[in-house]
């Protein structure tokens, strides 16, 4: 592990510990550096602000999953991701309760790319133009992100395997909802 990664891990662990003491929006860079024993200059050498630290934590926890996710294993990778989130439950619940838009933006970008690929793949007859592909990918991505954010906000009480199974059922039926539905369009 590089010195930079070690420093980033120290800062991230300090932030996670501080979340037991106060809400994310009340935590300052000074709080993080005091807790870590590092100075503010070190923090700013690695991160622009605490939101960049949050993004680094998200990437550290989830980036390998998103880079390994395909149309064929997305449900397995989603379940793996939900388990990682649940393993870091306190951190994710605190951060999402304070500012869910930041997590949603991060997660939405990953999910939308997959939905675009999926819709293009199932639209074998080229029924959809790019505007409709983007519309439906946005719709389904917002739905999936909303489910995950609700799960986090509500304390991750529901079993992550059940959530994954229900989302897989919905996604497996996109062809019926979107492609077949548009063949009978009246707009």
C-alpha atoms as a PDB file:
ATOM      1  CA  UNK A   1       0.000   0.000   0.000  1.00  0.00           C
ATOM      2  CA  UNK A   2       1.364   3.409  -0.942  1.00  0.00           C
ATOM      3  CA  UNK A   3       1.935   6.207   1.581  1.00  0.00           C
ATOM      4  CA  UNK A   4      -0.824   8.196  -0.124  1.00  0.00           C
ATOM      5  CA  UNK A   5      -3.317   5.340   0.259  1.00  0.00           C
ATOM      6  CA  UNK A   6      -2.368   4.893   3.906  1.00  0.00           C
ATOM      7  CA  UNK A   7      -2.942   8.610   4.542  1.00  0.00           C
ATOM      8  CA  UNK A   8      -6.292   8.521   2.726  1.00  0.00           C
ATOM      9  CA  UNK A   9      -7.330   5.493   4.786  1.00  0.00           C
ATOM     10  CA  UNK A  10      -6.411   7.305   8.013  1.00  0.00           C
ATOM     11  CA  UNK A  11      -8.488  10.320   6.979  1.00  0.00           C
ATOM     12  CA  UNK A  12     -11.439   8.155   5.948  1.00  0.00           C
ATOM     13  CA  UNK A  13     -11.373   6.211   9.211  1.00  0.00           C
ATOM     14  CA  UNK A  14     -11.244   9.482  11.135  1.00  0.00           C
ATOM     15  CA  UNK A  15     -14.323  10.732   9.283  1.00  0.00           C
ATOM     16  CA  UNK A  16     -16.136   7.461   9.975  1.00  0.00           C
ATOM     17  CA  UNK A  17     -15.307   7.716  13.690  1.00  0.00           C
ATOM     18  CA  UNK A  18     -16.513  11.329  13.801  1.00  0.00           C
ATOM     19  CA  UNK A  19     -19.886  10.242  12.423  1.00  0.00           C
ATOM     20  CA  UNK A  20     -20.511   8.563  15.776  1.00  0.00           C
ATOM     21  CA  UNK A  21     -20.088  11.961  17.444  1.00  0.00           C
ATOM     22  CA  UNK A  22     -21.919  14.355  15.106  1.00  0.00           C
ATOM     23  CA  UNK A  23     -23.740  14.558  11.754  1.00  0.00           C
ATOM     24  CA  UNK A  24     -21.771  14.792   8.526  1.00  0.00           C
ATOM     25  CA  UNK A  25     -22.854  18.370   7.822  1.00  0.00           C
ATOM     26  CA  UNK A  26     -21.360  19.453  11.172  1.00  0.00           C
ATOM     27  CA  UNK A  27     -17.991  17.772  10.571  1.00  0.00           C
ATOM     28  CA  UNK A  28     -15.217  20.046   9.330  1.00  0.00           C
ATOM     29  CA  UNK A  29     -11.868  19.351   7.740  1.00  0.00           C
ATOM     30  CA  UNK A  30     -10.333  20.571  10.982  1.00  0.00           C
ATOM     31  CA  UNK A  31     -12.326  17.926  12.898  1.00  0.00           C
ATOM     32  CA  UNK A  32     -11.093  15.219  10.538  1.00  0.00           C
ATOM     33  CA  UNK A  33      -7.456  16.281  10.807  1.00  0.00           C
ATOM     34  CA  UNK A  34      -7.598  16.571  14.601  1.00  0.00           C
ATOM     35  CA  UNK A  35      -9.096  13.096  14.855  1.00  0.00           C
ATOM     36  CA  UNK A  36      -6.498  11.658  12.457  1.00  0.00           C
ATOM     37  CA  UNK A  37      -3.501  13.388  14.011  1.00  0.00           C
ATOM     38  CA  UNK A  38      -2.632  14.805  10.586  1.00  0.00           C
ATOM     39  CA  UNK A  39      -2.527  18.465   9.640  1.00  0.00           C
ATOM     40  CA  UNK A  40      -4.902  20.373   7.368  1.00  0.00           C
ATOM     41  CA  UNK A  41      -2.188  20.770   4.734  1.00  0.00           C
ATOM     42  CA  UNK A  42      -1.943  16.976   4.489  1.00  0.00           C
ATOM     43  CA  UNK A  43      -5.717  16.719   4.089  1.00  0.00           C
ATOM     44  CA  UNK A  44      -5.735  19.320   1.307  1.00  0.00           C
ATOM     45  CA  UNK A  45      -2.795  17.641  -0.408  1.00  0.00           C
ATOM     46  CA  UNK A  46      -5.016  14.568  -0.878  1.00  0.00           C
ATOM     47  CA  UNK A  47      -8.545  16.013  -1.012  1.00  0.00           C
ATOM     48  CA  UNK A  48     -10.131  19.276  -2.065  1.00  0.00           C
ATOM     49  CA  UNK A  49     -12.828  19.033   0.622  1.00  0.00           C
ATOM     50  CA  UNK A  50     -14.735  16.496   2.720  1.00  0.00           C
ATOM     51  CA  UNK A  51     -16.971  15.637  -0.250  1.00  0.00           C
ATOM     52  CA  UNK A  52     -13.955  14.536  -2.252  1.00  0.00           C
ATOM     53  CA  UNK A  53     -13.015  12.341   0.728  1.00  0.00           C
ATOM     54  CA  UNK A  54     -16.537  10.874   0.624  1.00  0.00           C
ATOM     55  CA  UNK A  55     -16.156  10.181  -3.104  1.00  0.00           C
ATOM     56  CA  UNK A  56     -12.828   8.474  -2.413  1.00  0.00           C
ATOM     57  CA  UNK A  57     -14.534   6.262   0.178  1.00  0.00           C
ATOM     58  CA  UNK A  58     -17.312   5.409  -2.293  1.00  0.00           C
ATOM     59  CA  UNK A  59     -14.719   4.562  -4.945  1.00  0.00           C
ATOM     60  CA  UNK A  60     -12.645   2.574  -2.477  1.00  0.00           C
ATOM     61  CA  UNK A  61     -15.717   0.563  -1.465  1.00  0.00           C
ATOM     62  CA  UNK A  62     -17.550   0.271  -4.779  1.00  0.00           C
ATOM     63  CA  UNK A  63     -15.444   1.181  -7.833  1.00  0.00           C
ATOM     64  CA  UNK A  64     -14.094  -2.338  -8.327  1.00  0.00           C
ATOM     65  CA  UNK A  65     -17.676  -3.612  -8.396  1.00  0.00           C
ATOM     66  CA  UNK A  66     -18.848  -1.092 -10.975  1.00  0.00           C
ATOM     67  CA  UNK A  67     -15.838  -1.792 -13.200  1.00  0.00           C
ATOM     68  CA  UNK A  68     -16.554  -5.543 -13.054  1.00  0.00           C
ATOM     69  CA  UNK A  69     -20.306  -5.211 -13.661  1.00  0.00           C
ATOM     70  CA  UNK A  70     -21.778  -6.404 -16.940  1.00  0.00           C
ATOM     71  CA  UNK A  71     -25.268  -6.963 -18.300  1.00  0.00           C
ATOM     72  CA  UNK A  72     -24.941 -10.581 -17.270  1.00  0.00           C
ATOM     73  CA  UNK A  73     -23.730 -10.229 -13.683  1.00  0.00           C
ATOM     74  CA  UNK A  74     -25.211  -6.887 -12.570  1.00  0.00           C
ATOM     75  CA  UNK A  75     -27.503  -8.524 -10.002  1.00  0.00           C
ATOM     76  CA  UNK A  76     -24.602 -10.438  -8.422  1.00  0.00           C
ATOM     77  CA  UNK A  77     -22.514  -7.248  -8.336  1.00  0.00           C
ATOM     78  CA  UNK A  78     -25.447  -5.262  -6.922  1.00  0.00           C
ATOM     79  CA  UNK A  79     -25.814  -7.781  -4.120  1.00  0.00           C
ATOM     80  CA  UNK A  80     -22.065  -7.604  -3.478  1.00  0.00           C
ATOM     81  CA  UNK A  81     -22.306  -3.803  -3.350  1.00  0.00           C
ATOM     82  CA  UNK A  82     -25.269  -3.844  -0.977  1.00  0.00           C
ATOM     83  CA  UNK A  83     -23.351  -6.159   1.339  1.00  0.00           C
ATOM     84  CA  UNK A  84     -20.408  -3.741   1.310  1.00  0.00           C
ATOM     85  CA  UNK A  85     -22.752  -0.864   2.122  1.00  0.00           C
ATOM     86  CA  UNK A  86     -24.324  -2.853   4.937  1.00  0.00           C
ATOM     87  CA  UNK A  87     -20.881  -3.733   6.300  1.00  0.00           C
ATOM     88  CA  UNK A  88     -20.242   0.031   6.540  1.00  0.00           C
ATOM     89  CA  UNK A  89     -23.840   0.690   7.633  1.00  0.00           C
ATOM     90  CA  UNK A  90     -23.216   3.515  10.091  1.00  0.00           C
ATOM     91  CA  UNK A  91     -21.142   5.489   7.599  1.00  0.00           C
ATOM     92  CA  UNK A  92     -23.587   5.152   4.684  1.00  0.00           C
ATOM     93  CA  UNK A  93     -26.715   5.768   6.773  1.00  0.00           C
ATOM     94  CA  UNK A  94     -25.178   8.916   8.292  1.00  0.00           C
ATOM     95  CA  UNK A  95     -23.932  10.305   4.995  1.00  0.00           C
ATOM     96  CA  UNK A  96     -27.122   9.537   3.049  1.00  0.00           C
ATOM     97  CA  UNK A  97     -29.356  10.957   5.776  1.00  0.00           C
ATOM     98  CA  UNK A  98     -27.333  14.158   5.692  1.00  0.00           C
ATOM     99  CA  UNK A  99     -26.930  14.492   1.914  1.00  0.00           C
ATOM    100  CA  UNK A 100     -28.509  11.754  -0.183  1.00  0.00           C
ATOM    101  CA  UNK A 101     -28.012  13.668  -3.431  1.00  0.00           C
ATOM    102  CA  UNK A 102     -24.272  13.137  -3.382  1.00  0.00           C
ATOM    103  CA  UNK A 103     -24.636   9.359  -3.052  1.00  0.00           C
ATOM    104  CA  UNK A 104     -27.464   9.302  -5.594  1.00  0.00           C
ATOM    105  CA  UNK A 105     -25.366  11.191  -8.131  1.00  0.00           C
ATOM    106  CA  UNK A 106     -22.499   8.771  -7.674  1.00  0.00           C
ATOM    107  CA  UNK A 107     -24.664   5.654  -7.864  1.00  0.00           C
ATOM    108  CA  UNK A 108     -26.925   7.004 -10.633  1.00  0.00           C
ATOM    109  CA  UNK A 109     -24.030   7.468 -13.072  1.00  0.00           C
ATOM    110  CA  UNK A 110     -22.965   3.848 -12.661  1.00  0.00           C
ATOM    111  CA  UNK A 111     -26.487   2.458 -12.985  1.00  0.00           C
ATOM    112  CA  UNK A 112     -27.551   4.593 -15.951  1.00  0.00           C
ATOM    113  CA  UNK A 113     -24.636   3.394 -18.095  1.00  0.00           C
ATOM    114  CA  UNK A 114     -25.754  -0.187 -17.491  1.00  0.00           C
ATOM    115  CA  UNK A 115     -29.380   0.578 -18.321  1.00  0.00           C
ATOM    116  CA  UNK A 116     -28.393   2.282 -21.577  1.00  0.00           C
ATOM    117  CA  UNK A 117     -26.391  -0.810 -22.559  1.00  0.00           C
ATOM    118  CA  UNK A 118     -29.234  -3.123 -21.535  1.00  0.00           C
ATOM    119  CA  UNK A 119     -31.913  -1.216 -23.442  1.00  0.00           C
ATOM    120  CA  UNK A 120     -29.783  -1.019 -26.582  1.00  0.00           C
ATOM    121  CA  UNK A 121     -29.122  -4.762 -26.349  1.00  0.00           C
ATOM    122  CA  UNK A 122     -32.777  -5.755 -25.949  1.00  0.00           C
ATOM    123  CA  UNK A 123     -33.964  -3.333 -28.655  1.00  0.00           C
ATOM    124  CA  UNK A 124     -32.952  -5.700 -31.444  1.00  0.00           C
ATOM    125  CA  UNK A 125     -35.478  -4.209 -33.871  1.00  0.00           C
ATOM    126  CA  UNK A 126     -34.163  -0.675 -33.219  1.00  0.00           C
ATOM    127  CA  UNK A 127     -37.575   0.544 -32.053  1.00  0.00           C
ATOM    128  CA  UNK A 128     -36.060   3.255 -29.855  1.00  0.00           C
ATOM    129  CA  UNK A 129     -34.154   6.366 -30.800  1.00  0.00           C
ATOM    130  CA  UNK A 130     -31.395   7.726 -28.547  1.00  0.00           C
ATOM    131  CA  UNK A 131     -33.810  10.174 -26.898  1.00  0.00           C
ATOM    132  CA  UNK A 132     -36.079   7.316 -25.779  1.00  0.00           C
ATOM    133  CA  UNK A 133     -33.148   5.123 -24.748  1.00  0.00           C
ATOM    134  CA  UNK A 134     -31.875   7.932 -22.530  1.00  0.00           C
ATOM    135  CA  UNK A 135     -35.382   8.590 -21.161  1.00  0.00           C
ATOM    136  CA  UNK A 136     -35.981   4.973 -20.173  1.00  0.00           C
ATOM    137  CA  UNK A 137     -32.461   4.522 -18.799  1.00  0.00           C
ATOM    138  CA  UNK A 138     -32.969   7.625 -16.655  1.00  0.00           C
ATOM    139  CA  UNK A 139     -36.367   6.398 -15.482  1.00  0.00           C
ATOM    140  CA  UNK A 140     -35.138   2.959 -14.430  1.00  0.00           C
ATOM    141  CA  UNK A 141     -31.927   4.353 -12.915  1.00  0.00           C
ATOM    142  CA  UNK A 142     -33.860   6.826 -10.781  1.00  0.00           C
ATOM    143  CA  UNK A 143     -36.092   3.996  -9.610  1.00  0.00           C
ATOM    144  CA  UNK A 144     -33.214   1.719  -8.694  1.00  0.00           C
ATOM    145  CA  UNK A 145     -31.309   4.533  -6.963  1.00  0.00           C
ATOM    146  CA  UNK A 146     -34.452   5.515  -5.080  1.00  0.00           C
ATOM    147  CA  UNK A 147     -34.910   1.967  -3.791  1.00  0.00           C
ATOM    148  CA  UNK A 148     -31.285   1.771  -2.640  1.00  0.00           C
ATOM    149  CA  UNK A 149     -31.359   5.215  -1.015  1.00  0.00           C
ATOM    150  CA  UNK A 150     -34.620   4.392   0.792  1.00  0.00           C
ATOM    151  CA  UNK A 151     -33.037   1.162   2.010  1.00  0.00           C
ATOM    152  CA  UNK A 152     -30.033   3.070   3.352  1.00  0.00           C
ATOM    153  CA  UNK A 153     -32.108   5.904   4.829  1.00  0.00           C
ATOM    154  CA  UNK A 154     -34.325   3.378   6.630  1.00  0.00           C
ATOM    155  CA  UNK A 155     -31.356   1.697   8.285  1.00  0.00           C
ATOM    156  CA  UNK A 156     -30.809  -1.192   5.818  1.00  0.00           C
ATOM    157  CA  UNK A 157     -33.399  -3.327   7.614  1.00  0.00           C
ATOM    158  CA  UNK A 158     -34.631  -5.154   4.545  1.00  0.00           C
ATOM    159  CA  UNK A 159     -32.590  -8.135   3.398  1.00  0.00           C
ATOM    160  CA  UNK A 160     -30.277  -7.138   0.546  1.00  0.00           C
ATOM    161  CA  UNK A 161     -30.903 -10.438  -1.240  1.00  0.00           C
ATOM    162  CA  UNK A 162     -34.654  -9.732  -1.341  1.00  0.00           C
ATOM    163  CA  UNK A 163     -34.045  -6.253  -2.761  1.00  0.00           C
ATOM    164  CA  UNK A 164     -31.728  -7.667  -5.414  1.00  0.00           C
ATOM    165  CA  UNK A 165     -34.240 -10.369  -6.419  1.00  0.00           C
ATOM    166  CA  UNK A 166     -37.063  -7.839  -6.791  1.00  0.00           C
ATOM    167  CA  UNK A 167     -34.915  -5.444  -8.789  1.00  0.00           C
ATOM    168  CA  UNK A 168     -33.754  -8.305 -11.019  1.00  0.00           C
ATOM    169  CA  UNK A 169     -37.378  -9.234 -11.671  1.00  0.00           C
ATOM    170  CA  UNK A 170     -38.138  -5.667 -12.750  1.00  0.00           C
ATOM    171  CA  UNK A 171     -35.064  -5.399 -14.952  1.00  0.00           C
ATOM    172  CA  UNK A 172     -35.744  -8.796 -16.525  1.00  0.00           C
ATOM    173  CA  UNK A 173     -39.078  -7.401 -17.659  1.00  0.00           C
ATOM    174  CA  UNK A 174     -37.781  -4.177 -19.225  1.00  0.00           C
ATOM    175  CA  UNK A 175     -38.309  -5.634 -22.679  1.00  0.00           C
ATOM    176  CA  UNK A 176     -41.987  -6.145 -21.928  1.00  0.00           C
ATOM    177  CA  UNK A 177     -42.436  -2.705 -20.372  1.00  0.00           C
ATOM    178  CA  UNK A 178     -40.409  -0.668 -22.823  1.00  0.00           C
ATOM    179  CA  UNK A 179     -39.857  -2.315 -26.183  1.00  0.00           C
ATOM    180  CA  UNK A 180     -43.130  -4.207 -26.514  1.00  0.00           C
ATOM    181  CA  UNK A 181     -45.042  -1.280 -25.022  1.00  0.00           C
ATOM    182  CA  UNK A 182     -43.623   1.146 -27.586  1.00  0.00           C
ATOM    183  CA  UNK A 183     -44.645  -1.062 -30.468  1.00  0.00           C
ATOM    184  CA  UNK A 184     -48.214  -0.130 -29.548  1.00  0.00           C
ATOM    185  CA  UNK A 185     -47.465   3.561 -28.973  1.00  0.00           C
ATOM    186  CA  UNK A 186     -50.025   6.250 -29.652  1.00  0.00           C
ATOM    187  CA  UNK A 187     -47.855   9.320 -29.179  1.00  0.00           C
END
